Amino acid sequence: MEQKVKARYVRMGPRKINIVAGLIRKKKVDEAMNILRFVTKAASPVLSKLLKSAVAAAERRPGTDPAALFVKELRADSGPLVRNAKRFIPRAMGRASKIHVRTTHLTLIVSDGKPSAGITAEA
């Protein structure tokens, strides 16, 4: 059975999050939590919170064993740029540019390896 959770508009670039996300893809949930606990990147607490949310949502479903869950899929897609008109960064020849803050949409799917209820396999 699968459980999908999303975090949208995370104020961090997708490249930074993908560095940490690559460490926990296809890992068991308890192993992924241990990895996130000791990684010293800014994306680690964000992914840890998302993973805890996915496990809690999966535990509420009947017939789900939390010990058998693993990270099936973790995507970090780019979201909209936050353009702050009041903050600038200096550029060449006395010019200035606006500061663009990247955002990320995260999608995490945890699974226990069993097919989801209501979905039949086609022959």
PDB file of N, CA and C in Angstrom:
ATOM      1  N   MET A   1       0.838  -1.165   0.000  1.00  0.00           N
ATOM      2  CA  MET A   1       0.000   0.000   0.000  1.00  0.00           C
ATOM      3  C   MET A   1       0.894   1.243   0.000  1.00  0.00           C
ATOM      4  N   GLU A   2       0.512   2.210  -0.775  1.00  0.00           N
ATOM      5  CA  GLU A   2       1.301   3.429  -0.915  1.00  0.00           C
ATOM      6  C   GLU A   2       0.648   4.600  -0.194  1.00  0.00           C
ATOM      7  N   GLN A   3       1.480   5.521   0.240  1.00  0.00           N
ATOM      8  CA  GLN A   3       1.008   6.761   0.834  1.00  0.00           C
ATOM      9  C   GLN A   3       1.806   7.906   0.226  1.00  0.00           C
ATOM     10  N   LYS A   4       1.099   8.892  -0.305  1.00  0.00           N
ATOM     11  CA  LYS A   4       1.741  10.041  -0.945  1.00  0.00           C
ATOM     12  C   LYS A   4       1.524  11.297  -0.102  1.00  0.00           C
ATOM     13  N   VAL A   5       2.598  12.054   0.116  1.00  0.00           N
ATOM     14  CA  VAL A   5       2.507  13.336   0.800  1.00  0.00           C
ATOM     15  C   VAL A   5       3.255  14.373  -0.035  1.00  0.00           C
ATOM     16  N   LYS A   6       2.821  15.624   0.091  1.00  0.00           N
ATOM     17  CA  LYS A   6       3.437  16.709  -0.658  1.00  0.00           C
ATOM     18  C   LYS A   6       3.781  17.864   0.264  1.00  0.00           C
ATOM     19  N   ALA A   7       4.841  18.549  -0.072  1.00  0.00           N
ATOM     20  CA  ALA A   7       5.198  19.817   0.563  1.00  0.00           C
ATOM     21  C   ALA A   7       5.434  20.788  -0.577  1.00  0.00           C
ATOM     22  N   ARG A   8       4.680  21.862  -0.573  1.00  0.00           N
ATOM     23  CA  ARG A   8       4.779  22.805  -1.681  1.00  0.00           C
ATOM     24  C   ARG A   8       5.341  24.137  -1.198  1.00  0.00           C
ATOM     25  N   TYR A   9       5.972  24.839  -2.106  1.00  0.00           N
ATOM     26  CA  TYR A   9       6.543  26.164  -1.867  1.00  0.00           C
ATOM     27  C   TYR A   9       7.599  26.166  -0.758  1.00  0.00           C
ATOM     28  N   VAL A  10       8.426  25.138  -0.723  1.00  0.00           N
ATOM     29  CA  VAL A  10       9.539  25.092   0.223  1.00  0.00           C
ATOM     30  C   VAL A  10      10.585  26.085  -0.272  1.00  0.00           C
ATOM     31  N   ARG A  11      11.011  27.004   0.591  1.00  0.00           N
ATOM     32  CA  ARG A  11      11.912  28.072   0.157  1.00  0.00           C
ATOM     33  C   ARG A  11      13.362  27.607   0.155  1.00  0.00           C
ATOM     34  N   MET A  12      13.645  26.714  -0.775  1.00  0.00           N
ATOM     35  CA  MET A  12      14.978  26.184  -0.978  1.00  0.00           C
ATOM     36  C   MET A  12      15.026  25.662  -2.414  1.00  0.00           C
ATOM     37  N   GLY A  13      16.159  25.765  -3.039  1.00  0.00           N
ATOM     38  CA  GLY A  13      16.279  25.335  -4.426  1.00  0.00           C
ATOM     39  C   GLY A  13      16.202  23.831  -4.575  1.00  0.00           C
ATOM     40  N   PRO A  14      15.659  23.347  -5.703  1.00  0.00           N
ATOM     41  CA  PRO A  14      15.550  21.903  -5.906  1.00  0.00           C
ATOM     42  C   PRO A  14      16.898  21.192  -6.013  1.00  0.00           C
ATOM     43  N   ARG A  15      17.930  21.884  -6.473  1.00  0.00           N
ATOM     44  CA  ARG A  15      19.241  21.239  -6.567  1.00  0.00           C
ATOM     45  C   ARG A  15      19.801  20.928  -5.189  1.00  0.00           C
ATOM     46  N   LYS A  16      19.583  21.831  -4.241  1.00  0.00           N
ATOM     47  CA  LYS A  16      20.061  21.592  -2.877  1.00  0.00           C
ATOM     48  C   LYS A  16      19.309  20.437  -2.228  1.00  0.00           C
ATOM     49  N   ILE A  17      18.014  20.358  -2.484  1.00  0.00           N
ATOM     50  CA  ILE A  17      17.213  19.295  -1.883  1.00  0.00           C
ATOM     51  C   ILE A  17      17.527  17.949  -2.538  1.00  0.00           C
ATOM     52  N   ASN A  18      17.797  17.941  -3.844  1.00  0.00           N
ATOM     53  CA  ASN A  18      18.086  16.692  -4.542  1.00  0.00           C
ATOM     54  C   ASN A  18      19.369  16.031  -4.066  1.00  0.00           C
ATOM     55  N   ILE A  19      20.306  16.808  -3.537  1.00  0.00           N
ATOM     56  CA  ILE A  19      21.536  16.227  -3.000  1.00  0.00           C
ATOM     57  C   ILE A  19      21.214  15.300  -1.836  1.00  0.00           C
ATOM     58  N   VAL A  20      20.363  15.764  -0.931  1.00  0.00           N
ATOM     59  CA  VAL A  20      19.985  14.958   0.238  1.00  0.00           C
ATOM     60  C   VAL A  20      18.961  13.896  -0.147  1.00  0.00           C
ATOM     61  N   ALA A  21      18.065  14.220  -1.077  1.00  0.00           N
ATOM     62  CA  ALA A  21      17.034  13.273  -1.491  1.00  0.00           C
ATOM     63  C   ALA A  21      17.653  12.030  -2.126  1.00  0.00           C
ATOM     64  N   GLY A  22      18.756  12.201  -2.810  1.00  0.00           N
ATOM     65  CA  GLY A  22      19.423  11.058  -3.421  1.00  0.00           C
ATOM     66  C   GLY A  22      19.955  10.067  -2.404  1.00  0.00           C
ATOM     67  N   LEU A  23      20.212  10.542  -1.188  1.00  0.00           N
ATOM     68  CA  LEU A  23      20.728   9.651  -0.141  1.00  0.00           C
ATOM     69  C   LEU A  23      19.658   8.727   0.424  1.00  0.00           C
ATOM     70  N   ILE A  24      18.381   9.131   0.359  1.00  0.00           N
ATOM     71  CA  ILE A  24      17.344   8.339   1.033  1.00  0.00           C
ATOM     72  C   ILE A  24      16.387   7.645   0.079  1.00  0.00           C
ATOM     73  N   ARG A  25      16.536   7.843  -1.224  1.00  0.00           N
ATOM     74  CA  ARG A  25      15.656   7.148  -2.164  1.00  0.00           C
ATOM     75  C   ARG A  25      15.894   5.649  -2.078  1.00  0.00           C
ATOM     76  N   LYS A  26      14.805   4.874  -2.150  1.00  0.00           N
ATOM     77  CA  LYS A  26      14.820   3.395  -2.140  1.00  0.00           C
ATOM     78  C   LYS A  26      15.356   2.811  -0.833  1.00  0.00           C
ATOM     79  N   LYS A  27      15.333   3.588   0.245  1.00  0.00           N
ATOM     80  CA  LYS A  27      15.784   3.089   1.545  1.00  0.00           C
ATOM     81  C   LYS A  27      14.573   2.812   2.431  1.00  0.00           C
ATOM     82  N   LYS A  28      14.760   1.956   3.430  1.00  0.00           N
ATOM     83  CA  LYS A  28      13.717   1.730   4.427  1.00  0.00           C
ATOM     84  C   LYS A  28      13.562   3.007   5.248  1.00  0.00           C
ATOM     85  N   VAL A  29      12.370   3.210   5.804  1.00  0.00           N
ATOM     86  CA  VAL A  29      12.048   4.470   6.475  1.00  0.00           C
ATOM     87  C   VAL A  29      12.949   4.707   7.681  1.00  0.00           C
ATOM     88  N   ASP A  30      13.187   3.691   8.500  1.00  0.00           N
ATOM     89  CA  ASP A  30      14.024   3.904   9.679  1.00  0.00           C
ATOM     90  C   ASP A  30      15.474   4.199   9.293  1.00  0.00           C
ATOM     91  N   GLU A  31      15.955   3.583   8.224  1.00  0.00           N
ATOM     92  CA  GLU A  31      17.306   3.865   7.748  1.00  0.00           C
ATOM     93  C   GLU A  31      17.389   5.291   7.178  1.00  0.00           C
ATOM     94  N   ALA A  32      16.339   5.708   6.463  1.00  0.00           N
ATOM     95  CA  ALA A  32      16.303   7.064   5.909  1.00  0.00           C
ATOM     96  C   ALA A  32      16.269   8.111   7.019  1.00  0.00           C
ATOM     97  N   MET A  33      15.525   7.843   8.091  1.00  0.00           N
ATOM     98  CA  MET A  33      15.479   8.788   9.214  1.00  0.00           C
ATOM     99  C   MET A  33      16.858   8.921   9.877  1.00  0.00           C
ATOM    100  N   ASN A  34      17.579   7.815  10.012  1.00  0.00           N
ATOM    101  CA  ASN A  34      18.926   7.869  10.584  1.00  0.00           C
ATOM    102  C   ASN A  34      19.877   8.662   9.690  1.00  0.00           C
ATOM    103  N   ILE A  35      19.760   8.480   8.385  1.00  0.00           N
ATOM    104  CA  ILE A  35      20.602   9.236   7.458  1.00  0.00           C
ATOM    105  C   ILE A  35      20.312  10.726   7.582  1.00  0.00           C
ATOM    106  N   LEU A  36      19.022  11.090   7.610  1.00  0.00           N
ATOM    107  CA  LEU A  36      18.657  12.502   7.693  1.00  0.00           C
ATOM    108  C   LEU A  36      19.072  13.128   9.021  1.00  0.00           C
ATOM    109  N   ARG A  37      19.122  12.335  10.065  1.00  0.00           N
ATOM    110  CA  ARG A  37      19.496  12.854  11.382  1.00  0.00           C
ATOM    111  C   ARG A  37      20.950  13.329  11.400  1.00  0.00           C
ATOM    112  N   PHE A  38      21.813  12.673  10.611  1.00  0.00           N
ATOM    113  CA  PHE A  38      23.237  12.973  10.675  1.00  0.00           C
ATOM    114  C   PHE A  38      23.772  13.747   9.473  1.00  0.00           C
ATOM    115  N   VAL A  39      22.938  14.049   8.504  1.00  0.00           N
ATOM    116  CA  VAL A  39      23.368  14.857   7.364  1.00  0.00           C
ATOM    117  C   VAL A  39      23.278  16.328   7.756  1.00  0.00           C
ATOM    118  N   THR A  40      24.356  17.074   7.509  1.00  0.00           N
ATOM    119  CA  THR A  40      24.399  18.474   7.937  1.00  0.00           C
ATOM    120  C   THR A  40      24.085  19.414   6.771  1.00  0.00           C
ATOM    121  N   LYS A  41      23.007  19.166   6.089  1.00  0.00           N
ATOM    122  CA  LYS A  41      22.547  20.036   5.011  1.00  0.00           C
ATOM    123  C   LYS A  41      21.238  20.690   5.440  1.00  0.00           C
ATOM    124  N   ALA A  42      20.921  21.832   4.844  1.00  0.00           N
ATOM    125  CA  ALA A  42      19.712  22.564   5.212  1.00  0.00           C
ATOM    126  C   ALA A  42      18.445  21.824   4.801  1.00  0.00           C
ATOM    127  N   ALA A  43      18.544  20.951   3.810  1.00  0.00           N
ATOM    128  CA  ALA A  43      17.375  20.214   3.334  1.00  0.00           C
ATOM    129  C   ALA A  43      17.011  19.052   4.253  1.00  0.00           C
ATOM    130  N   SER A  44      17.889  18.659   5.126  1.00  0.00           N
ATOM    131  CA  SER A  44      17.662  17.498   5.982  1.00  0.00           C
ATOM    132  C   SER A  44      16.447  17.646   6.896  1.00  0.00           C
ATOM    133  N   PRO A  45      16.256  18.760   7.626  1.00  0.00           N
ATOM    134  CA  PRO A  45      15.060  18.869   8.464  1.00  0.00           C
ATOM    135  C   PRO A  45      13.762  18.909   7.670  1.00  0.00           C
ATOM    136  N   VAL A  46      13.795  19.493   6.481  1.00  0.00           N
ATOM    137  CA  VAL A  46      12.600  19.562   5.642  1.00  0.00           C
ATOM    138  C   VAL A  46      12.178  18.166   5.202  1.00  0.00           C
ATOM    139  N   LEU A  47      13.143  17.373   4.735  1.00  0.00           N
ATOM    140  CA  LEU A  47      12.832  16.018   4.289  1.00  0.00           C
ATOM    141  C   LEU A  47      12.460  15.112   5.461  1.00  0.00           C
ATOM    142  N   SER A  48      13.072  15.348   6.616  1.00  0.00           N
ATOM    143  CA  SER A  48      12.741  14.564   7.804  1.00  0.00           C
ATOM    144  C   SER A  48      11.289  14.793   8.223  1.00  0.00           C
ATOM    145  N   LYS A  49      10.863  16.036   8.205  1.00  0.00           N
ATOM    146  CA  LYS A  49       9.486  16.369   8.561  1.00  0.00           C
ATOM    147  C   LYS A  49       8.502  15.753   7.569  1.00  0.00           C
ATOM    148  N   LEU A  50       8.834  15.795   6.278  1.00  0.00           N
ATOM    149  CA  LEU A  50       7.985  15.218   5.252  1.00  0.00           C
ATOM    150  C   LEU A  50       7.894  13.699   5.400  1.00  0.00           C
ATOM    151  N   LEU A  51       9.016  13.062   5.719  1.00  0.00           N
ATOM    152  CA  LEU A  51       9.029  11.609   5.891  1.00  0.00           C
ATOM    153  C   LEU A  51       8.220  11.186   7.121  1.00  0.00           C
ATOM    154  N   LYS A  52       8.321  11.946   8.209  1.00  0.00           N
ATOM    155  CA  LYS A  52       7.519  11.646   9.402  1.00  0.00           C
ATOM    156  C   LYS A  52       6.029  11.778   9.106  1.00  0.00           C
ATOM    157  N   SER A  53       5.677  12.771   8.322  1.00  0.00           N
ATOM    158  CA  SER A  53       4.277  12.970   7.942  1.00  0.00           C
ATOM    159  C   SER A  53       3.765  11.807   7.109  1.00  0.00           C
ATOM    160  N   ALA A  54       4.584  11.315   6.186  1.00  0.00           N
ATOM    161  CA  ALA A  54       4.177  10.194   5.343  1.00  0.00           C
ATOM    162  C   ALA A  54       3.997   8.919   6.158  1.00  0.00           C
ATOM    163  N   VAL A  55       4.888   8.697   7.114  1.00  0.00           N
ATOM    164  CA  VAL A  55       4.784   7.498   7.957  1.00  0.00           C
ATOM    165  C   VAL A  55       3.553   7.578   8.847  1.00  0.00           C
ATOM    166  N   ALA A  56       3.277   8.757   9.408  1.00  0.00           N
ATOM    167  CA  ALA A  56       2.095   8.920  10.254  1.00  0.00           C
ATOM    168  C   ALA A  56       0.815   8.717   9.455  1.00  0.00           C
ATOM    169  N   ALA A  57       0.780   9.209   8.221  1.00  0.00           N
ATOM    170  CA  ALA A  57      -0.397   9.023   7.377  1.00  0.00           C
ATOM    171  C   ALA A  57      -0.563   7.562   6.994  1.00  0.00           C
ATOM    172  N   ALA A  58       0.544   6.870   6.764  1.00  0.00           N
ATOM    173  CA  ALA A  58       0.468   5.449   6.397  1.00  0.00           C
ATOM    174  C   ALA A  58       0.031   4.599   7.588  1.00  0.00           C
ATOM    175  N   GLU A  59       0.441   4.972   8.800  1.00  0.00           N
ATOM    176  CA  GLU A  59       0.063   4.204   9.986  1.00  0.00           C
ATOM    177  C   GLU A  59      -1.430   4.296  10.271  1.00  0.00           C
ATOM    178  N   ARG A  60      -2.078   5.380   9.843  1.00  0.00           N
ATOM    179  CA  ARG A  60      -3.522   5.514  10.071  1.00  0.00           C
ATOM    180  C   ARG A  60      -4.335   4.564   9.192  1.00  0.00           C
ATOM    181  N   ARG A  61      -3.745   4.083   8.114  1.00  0.00           N
ATOM    182  CA  ARG A  61      -4.462   3.147   7.255  1.00  0.00           C
ATOM    183  C   ARG A  61      -4.421   1.750   7.878  1.00  0.00           C
ATOM    184  N   PRO A  62      -5.532   1.048   7.843  1.00  0.00           N
ATOM    185  CA  PRO A  62      -5.527  -0.306   8.429  1.00  0.00           C
ATOM    186  C   PRO A  62      -4.700  -1.270   7.584  1.00  0.00           C
ATOM    187  N   GLY A  63      -4.025  -2.168   8.261  1.00  0.00           N
ATOM    188  CA  GLY A  63      -3.258  -3.209   7.579  1.00  0.00           C
ATOM    189  C   GLY A  63      -1.887  -2.774   7.102  1.00  0.00           C
ATOM    190  N   THR A  64      -1.392  -1.639   7.580  1.00  0.00           N
ATOM    191  CA  THR A  64      -0.079  -1.165   7.168  1.00  0.00           C
ATOM    192  C   THR A  64       0.919  -1.401   8.289  1.00  0.00           C
ATOM    193  N   ASP A  65       2.043  -2.035   7.946  1.00  0.00           N
ATOM    194  CA  ASP A  65       3.102  -2.292   8.912  1.00  0.00           C
ATOM    195  C   ASP A  65       4.155  -1.188   8.785  1.00  0.00           C
ATOM    196  N   PRO A  66       4.318  -0.328   9.805  1.00  0.00           N
ATOM    197  CA  PRO A  66       5.275   0.771   9.680  1.00  0.00           C
ATOM    198  C   PRO A  66       6.721   0.301   9.544  1.00  0.00           C
ATOM    199  N   ALA A  67       7.042  -0.879  10.025  1.00  0.00           N
ATOM    200  CA  ALA A  67       8.414  -1.383   9.932  1.00  0.00           C
ATOM    201  C   ALA A  67       8.772  -1.800   8.513  1.00  0.00           C
ATOM    202  N   ALA A  68       7.768  -2.072   7.677  1.00  0.00           N
ATOM    203  CA  ALA A  68       8.028  -2.536   6.313  1.00  0.00           C
ATOM    204  C   ALA A  68       8.031  -1.404   5.289  1.00  0.00           C
ATOM    205  N   LEU A  69       7.808  -0.169   5.724  1.00  0.00           N
ATOM    206  CA  LEU A  69       7.728   0.943   4.783  1.00  0.00           C
ATOM    207  C   LEU A  69       9.107   1.326   4.255  1.00  0.00           C
ATOM    208  N   PHE A  70       9.142   1.726   2.982  1.00  0.00           N
ATOM    209  CA  PHE A  70      10.361   2.245   2.381  1.00  0.00           C
ATOM    210  C   PHE A  70      10.014   3.425   1.483  1.00  0.00           C
ATOM    211  N   VAL A  71      11.014   4.229   1.163  1.00  0.00           N
ATOM    212  CA  VAL A  71      10.820   5.402   0.313  1.00  0.00           C
ATOM    213  C   VAL A  71      10.788   4.926  -1.132  1.00  0.00           C
ATOM    214  N   LYS A  72       9.595   4.911  -1.706  1.00  0.00           N
ATOM    215  CA  LYS A  72       9.449   4.424  -3.079  1.00  0.00           C
ATOM    216  C   LYS A  72       9.854   5.497  -4.087  1.00  0.00           C
ATOM    217  N   GLU A  73       9.419   6.725  -3.845  1.00  0.00           N
ATOM    218  CA  GLU A  73       9.714   7.809  -4.781  1.00  0.00           C
ATOM    219  C   GLU A  73       9.833   9.116  -4.010  1.00  0.00           C
ATOM    220  N   LEU A  74      10.781   9.939  -4.422  1.00  0.00           N
ATOM    221  CA  LEU A  74      10.970  11.260  -3.831  1.00  0.00           C
ATOM    222  C   LEU A  74      11.368  12.210  -4.949  1.00  0.00           C
ATOM    223  N   ARG A  75      10.468  13.142  -5.257  1.00  0.00           N
ATOM    224  CA  ARG A  75      10.701  14.100  -6.328  1.00  0.00           C
ATOM    225  C   ARG A  75      10.827  15.498  -5.751  1.00  0.00           C
ATOM    226  N   ALA A  76      11.759  16.269  -6.300  1.00  0.00           N
ATOM    227  CA  ALA A  76      11.923  17.673  -5.933  1.00  0.00           C
ATOM    228  C   ALA A  76      11.793  18.490  -7.217  1.00  0.00           C
ATOM    229  N   ASP A  77      10.595  18.999  -7.464  1.00  0.00           N
ATOM    230  CA  ASP A  77      10.325  19.779  -8.664  1.00  0.00           C
ATOM    231  C   ASP A  77      10.419  21.262  -8.334  1.00  0.00           C
ATOM    232  N   SER A  78      10.835  22.040  -9.308  1.00  0.00           N
ATOM    233  CA  SER A  78      10.974  23.463  -9.046  1.00  0.00           C
ATOM    234  C   SER A  78       9.612  24.144  -8.994  1.00  0.00           C
ATOM    235  N   GLY A  79       9.483  25.070  -8.067  1.00  0.00           N
ATOM    236  CA  GLY A  79       8.264  25.851  -7.919  1.00  0.00           C
ATOM    237  C   GLY A  79       8.497  27.254  -8.471  1.00  0.00           C
ATOM    238  N   PRO A  80       7.610  28.175  -8.164  1.00  0.00           N
ATOM    239  CA  PRO A  80       7.772  29.535  -8.682  1.00  0.00           C
ATOM    240  C   PRO A  80       8.906  30.278  -7.976  1.00  0.00           C
ATOM    241  N   LEU A  81       9.469  31.265  -8.670  1.00  0.00           N
ATOM    242  CA  LEU A  81      10.476  32.127  -8.068  1.00  0.00           C
ATOM    243  C   LEU A  81       9.798  33.191  -7.225  1.00  0.00           C
ATOM    244  N   VAL A  82      10.365  33.469  -6.058  1.00  0.00           N
ATOM    245  CA  VAL A  82       9.879  34.557  -5.224  1.00  0.00           C
ATOM    246  C   VAL A  82      10.743  35.761  -5.563  1.00  0.00           C
ATOM    247  N   ARG A  83      10.141  36.749  -6.179  1.00  0.00           N
ATOM    248  CA  ARG A  83      10.882  37.940  -6.582  1.00  0.00           C
ATOM    249  C   ARG A  83      10.570  39.065  -5.590  1.00  0.00           C
ATOM    250  N   ASN A  84      11.552  39.389  -4.788  1.00  0.00           N
ATOM    251  CA  ASN A  84      11.385  40.438  -3.794  1.00  0.00           C
ATOM    252  C   ASN A  84      11.867  41.754  -4.385  1.00  0.00           C
ATOM    253  N   ALA A  85      10.969  42.704  -4.586  1.00  0.00           N
ATOM    254  CA  ALA A  85      11.308  43.974  -5.231  1.00  0.00           C
ATOM    255  C   ALA A  85      12.052  44.919  -4.302  1.00  0.00           C
ATOM    256  N   LYS A  86      12.104  44.619  -3.013  1.00  0.00           N
ATOM    257  CA  LYS A  86      12.742  45.532  -2.079  1.00  0.00           C
ATOM    258  C   LYS A  86      14.198  45.172  -1.782  1.00  0.00           C
ATOM    259  N   ARG A  87      14.629  43.999  -2.214  1.00  0.00           N
ATOM    260  CA  ARG A  87      15.997  43.569  -1.947  1.00  0.00           C
ATOM    261  C   ARG A  87      16.741  43.390  -3.260  1.00  0.00           C
ATOM    262  N   PHE A  88      17.963  43.904  -3.293  1.00  0.00           N
ATOM    263  CA  PHE A  88      18.755  43.853  -4.511  1.00  0.00           C
ATOM    264  C   PHE A  88      20.139  43.322  -4.208  1.00  0.00           C
ATOM    265  N   ILE A  89      20.803  42.826  -5.256  1.00  0.00           N
ATOM    266  CA  ILE A  89      22.173  42.355  -5.157  1.00  0.00           C
ATOM    267  C   ILE A  89      23.014  43.192  -6.121  1.00  0.00           C
ATOM    268  N   PRO A  90      24.184  43.649  -5.694  1.00  0.00           N
ATOM    269  CA  PRO A  90      25.002  44.480  -6.578  1.00  0.00           C
ATOM    270  C   PRO A  90      25.523  43.689  -7.782  1.00  0.00           C
ATOM    271  N   ARG A  91      25.595  44.361  -8.915  1.00  0.00           N
ATOM    272  CA  ARG A  91      26.106  43.783 -10.154  1.00  0.00           C
ATOM    273  C   ARG A  91      27.197  44.687 -10.719  1.00  0.00           C
ATOM    274  N   ALA A  92      27.699  44.320 -11.864  1.00  0.00           N
ATOM    275  CA  ALA A  92      28.796  45.052 -12.485  1.00  0.00           C
ATOM    276  C   ALA A  92      28.348  46.436 -12.946  1.00  0.00           C
ATOM    277  N   MET A  93      29.308  47.334 -13.013  1.00  0.00           N
ATOM    278  CA  MET A  93      29.143  48.704 -13.524  1.00  0.00           C
ATOM    279  C   MET A  93      28.053  49.477 -12.777  1.00  0.00           C
ATOM    280  N   GLY A  94      27.942  49.284 -11.467  1.00  0.00           N
ATOM    281  CA  GLY A  94      27.028  50.063 -10.650  1.00  0.00           C
ATOM    282  C   GLY A  94      25.568  49.680 -10.771  1.00  0.00           C
ATOM    283  N   ARG A  95      25.283  48.573 -11.404  1.00  0.00           N
ATOM    284  CA  ARG A  95      23.892  48.148 -11.563  1.00  0.00           C
ATOM    285  C   ARG A  95      23.469  47.275 -10.381  1.00  0.00           C
ATOM    286  N   ALA A  96      22.187  46.969 -10.341  1.00  0.00           N
ATOM    287  CA  ALA A  96      21.653  46.101  -9.287  1.00  0.00           C
ATOM    288  C   ALA A  96      20.620  45.165  -9.895  1.00  0.00           C
ATOM    289  N   SER A  97      20.504  43.963  -9.330  1.00  0.00           N
ATOM    290  CA  SER A  97      19.509  42.991  -9.779  1.00  0.00           C
ATOM    291  C   SER A  97      18.648  42.582  -8.598  1.00  0.00           C
ATOM    292  N   LYS A  98      17.413  42.218  -8.888  1.00  0.00           N
ATOM    293  CA  LYS A  98      16.528  41.727  -7.835  1.00  0.00           C
ATOM    294  C   LYS A  98      17.005  40.367  -7.351  1.00  0.00           C
ATOM    295  N   ILE A  99      16.706  40.073  -6.106  1.00  0.00           N
ATOM    296  CA  ILE A  99      17.041  38.766  -5.547  1.00  0.00           C
ATOM    297  C   ILE A  99      15.892  37.813  -5.857  1.00  0.00           C
ATOM    298  N   HIS A 100      16.220  36.682  -6.476  1.00  0.00           N
ATOM    299  CA  HIS A 100      15.228  35.661  -6.798  1.00  0.00           C
ATOM    300  C   HIS A 100      15.422  34.482  -5.849  1.00  0.00           C
ATOM    301  N   VAL A 101      14.393  34.127  -5.105  1.00  0.00           N
ATOM    302  CA  VAL A 101      14.458  33.001  -4.183  1.00  0.00           C
ATOM    303  C   VAL A 101      13.739  31.830  -4.831  1.00  0.00           C
ATOM    304  N   ARG A 102      14.429  30.728  -4.989  1.00  0.00           N
ATOM    305  CA  ARG A 102      13.829  29.546  -5.610  1.00  0.00           C
ATOM    306  C   ARG A 102      12.959  28.802  -4.604  1.00  0.00           C
ATOM    307  N   THR A 103      11.903  28.173  -5.104  1.00  0.00           N
ATOM    308  CA  THR A 103      11.052  27.333  -4.272  1.00  0.00           C
ATOM    309  C   THR A 103      10.972  25.952  -4.891  1.00  0.00           C
ATOM    310  N   THR A 104      10.541  24.983  -4.082  1.00  0.00           N
ATOM    311  CA  THR A 104      10.500  23.595  -4.502  1.00  0.00           C
ATOM    312  C   THR A 104       9.186  22.965  -4.091  1.00  0.00           C
ATOM    313  N   HIS A 105       8.658  22.115  -4.956  1.00  0.00           N
ATOM    314  CA  HIS A 105       7.514  21.281  -4.626  1.00  0.00           C
ATOM    315  C   HIS A 105       8.041  19.859  -4.429  1.00  0.00           C
ATOM    316  N   LEU A 106       7.839  19.313  -3.225  1.00  0.00           N
ATOM    317  CA  LEU A 106       8.309  17.969  -2.899  1.00  0.00           C
ATOM    318  C   LEU A 106       7.158  16.979  -2.947  1.00  0.00           C
ATOM    319  N   THR A 107       7.401  15.805  -3.498  1.00  0.00           N
ATOM    320  CA  THR A 107       6.437  14.712  -3.500  1.00  0.00           C
ATOM    321  C   THR A 107       7.147  13.471  -2.987  1.00  0.00           C
ATOM    322  N   LEU A 108       6.607  12.886  -1.931  1.00  0.00           N
ATOM    323  CA  LEU A 108       7.202  11.704  -1.317  1.00  0.00           C
ATOM    324  C   LEU A 108       6.170  10.586  -1.293  1.00  0.00           C
ATOM    325  N   ILE A 109       6.558   9.410  -1.764  1.00  0.00           N
ATOM    326  CA  ILE A 109       5.686   8.239  -1.740  1.00  0.00           C
ATOM    327  C   ILE A 109       6.394   7.150  -0.952  1.00  0.00           C
ATOM    328  N   VAL A 110       5.738   6.689   0.128  1.00  0.00           N
ATOM    329  CA  VAL A 110       6.240   5.542   0.884  1.00  0.00           C
ATOM    330  C   VAL A 110       5.343   4.354   0.588  1.00  0.00           C
ATOM    331  N   SER A 111       5.933   3.181   0.585  1.00  0.00           N
ATOM    332  CA  SER A 111       5.194   1.970   0.248  1.00  0.00           C
ATOM    333  C   SER A 111       5.696   0.824   1.111  1.00  0.00           C
ATOM    334  N   ASP A 112       4.853  -0.178   1.258  1.00  0.00           N
ATOM    335  CA  ASP A 112       5.282  -1.385   1.965  1.00  0.00           C
ATOM    336  C   ASP A 112       5.496  -2.543   0.999  1.00  0.00           C
ATOM    337  N   GLY A 113       5.430  -2.285  -0.285  1.00  0.00           N
ATOM    338  CA  GLY A 113       5.702  -3.302  -1.295  1.00  0.00           C
ATOM    339  C   GLY A 113       4.479  -4.061  -1.747  1.00  0.00           C
ATOM    340  N   LYS A 114       3.356  -3.927  -1.032  1.00  0.00           N
ATOM    341  CA  LYS A 114       2.129  -4.611  -1.425  1.00  0.00           C
ATOM    342  C   LYS A 114       1.379  -3.725  -2.405  1.00  0.00           C
ATOM    343  N   PRO A 115       0.606  -4.320  -3.321  1.00  0.00           N
ATOM    344  CA  PRO A 115      -0.207  -3.480  -4.221  1.00  0.00           C
ATOM    345  C   PRO A 115      -1.296  -2.756  -3.445  1.00  0.00           C
ATOM    346  N   SER A 116      -1.655  -1.575  -3.941  1.00  0.00           N
ATOM    347  CA  SER A 116      -2.696  -0.777  -3.290  1.00  0.00           C
ATOM    348  C   SER A 116      -4.039  -1.448  -3.419  1.00  0.00           C
ATOM    349  N   ALA A 117      -4.915  -1.230  -2.443  1.00  0.00           N
ATOM    350  CA  ALA A 117      -6.258  -1.808  -2.469  1.00  0.00           C
ATOM    351  C   ALA A 117      -7.072  -1.186  -3.587  1.00  0.00           C
ATOM    352  N   GLY A 118      -7.804  -1.982  -4.301  1.00  0.00           N
ATOM    353  CA  GLY A 118      -8.675  -1.474  -5.363  1.00  0.00           C
ATOM    354  C   GLY A 118      -8.002  -1.431  -6.716  1.00  0.00           C
ATOM    355  N   ILE A 119      -6.717  -1.657  -6.784  1.00  0.00           N
ATOM    356  CA  ILE A 119      -6.006  -1.653  -8.051  1.00  0.00           C
ATOM    357  C   ILE A 119      -5.666  -3.091  -8.401  1.00  0.00           C
ATOM    358  N   THR A 120      -6.082  -3.508  -9.580  1.00  0.00           N
ATOM    359  CA  THR A 120      -5.804  -4.875  -9.993  1.00  0.00           C
ATOM    360  C   THR A 120      -4.697  -4.889 -11.020  1.00  0.00           C
ATOM    361  N   ALA A 121      -3.916  -5.927 -11.020  1.00  0.00           N
ATOM    362  CA  ALA A 121      -2.834  -6.062 -11.982  1.00  0.00           C
ATOM    363  C   ALA A 121      -3.399  -6.595 -13.292  1.00  0.00           C
ATOM    364  N   GLU A 122      -2.973  -5.979 -14.393  1.00  0.00           N
ATOM    365  CA  GLU A 122      -3.443  -6.427 -15.689  1.00  0.00           C
ATOM    366  C   GLU A 122      -2.557  -7.551 -16.192  1.00  0.00           C
ATOM    367  N   ALA A 123      -3.190  -8.527 -16.838  1.00  0.00           N
ATOM    368  CA  ALA A 123      -2.424  -9.675 -17.327  1.00  0.00           C
ATOM    369  C   ALA A 123      -1.908  -9.438 -18.718  1.00  0.00           C
TER     370      ALA A 123
END
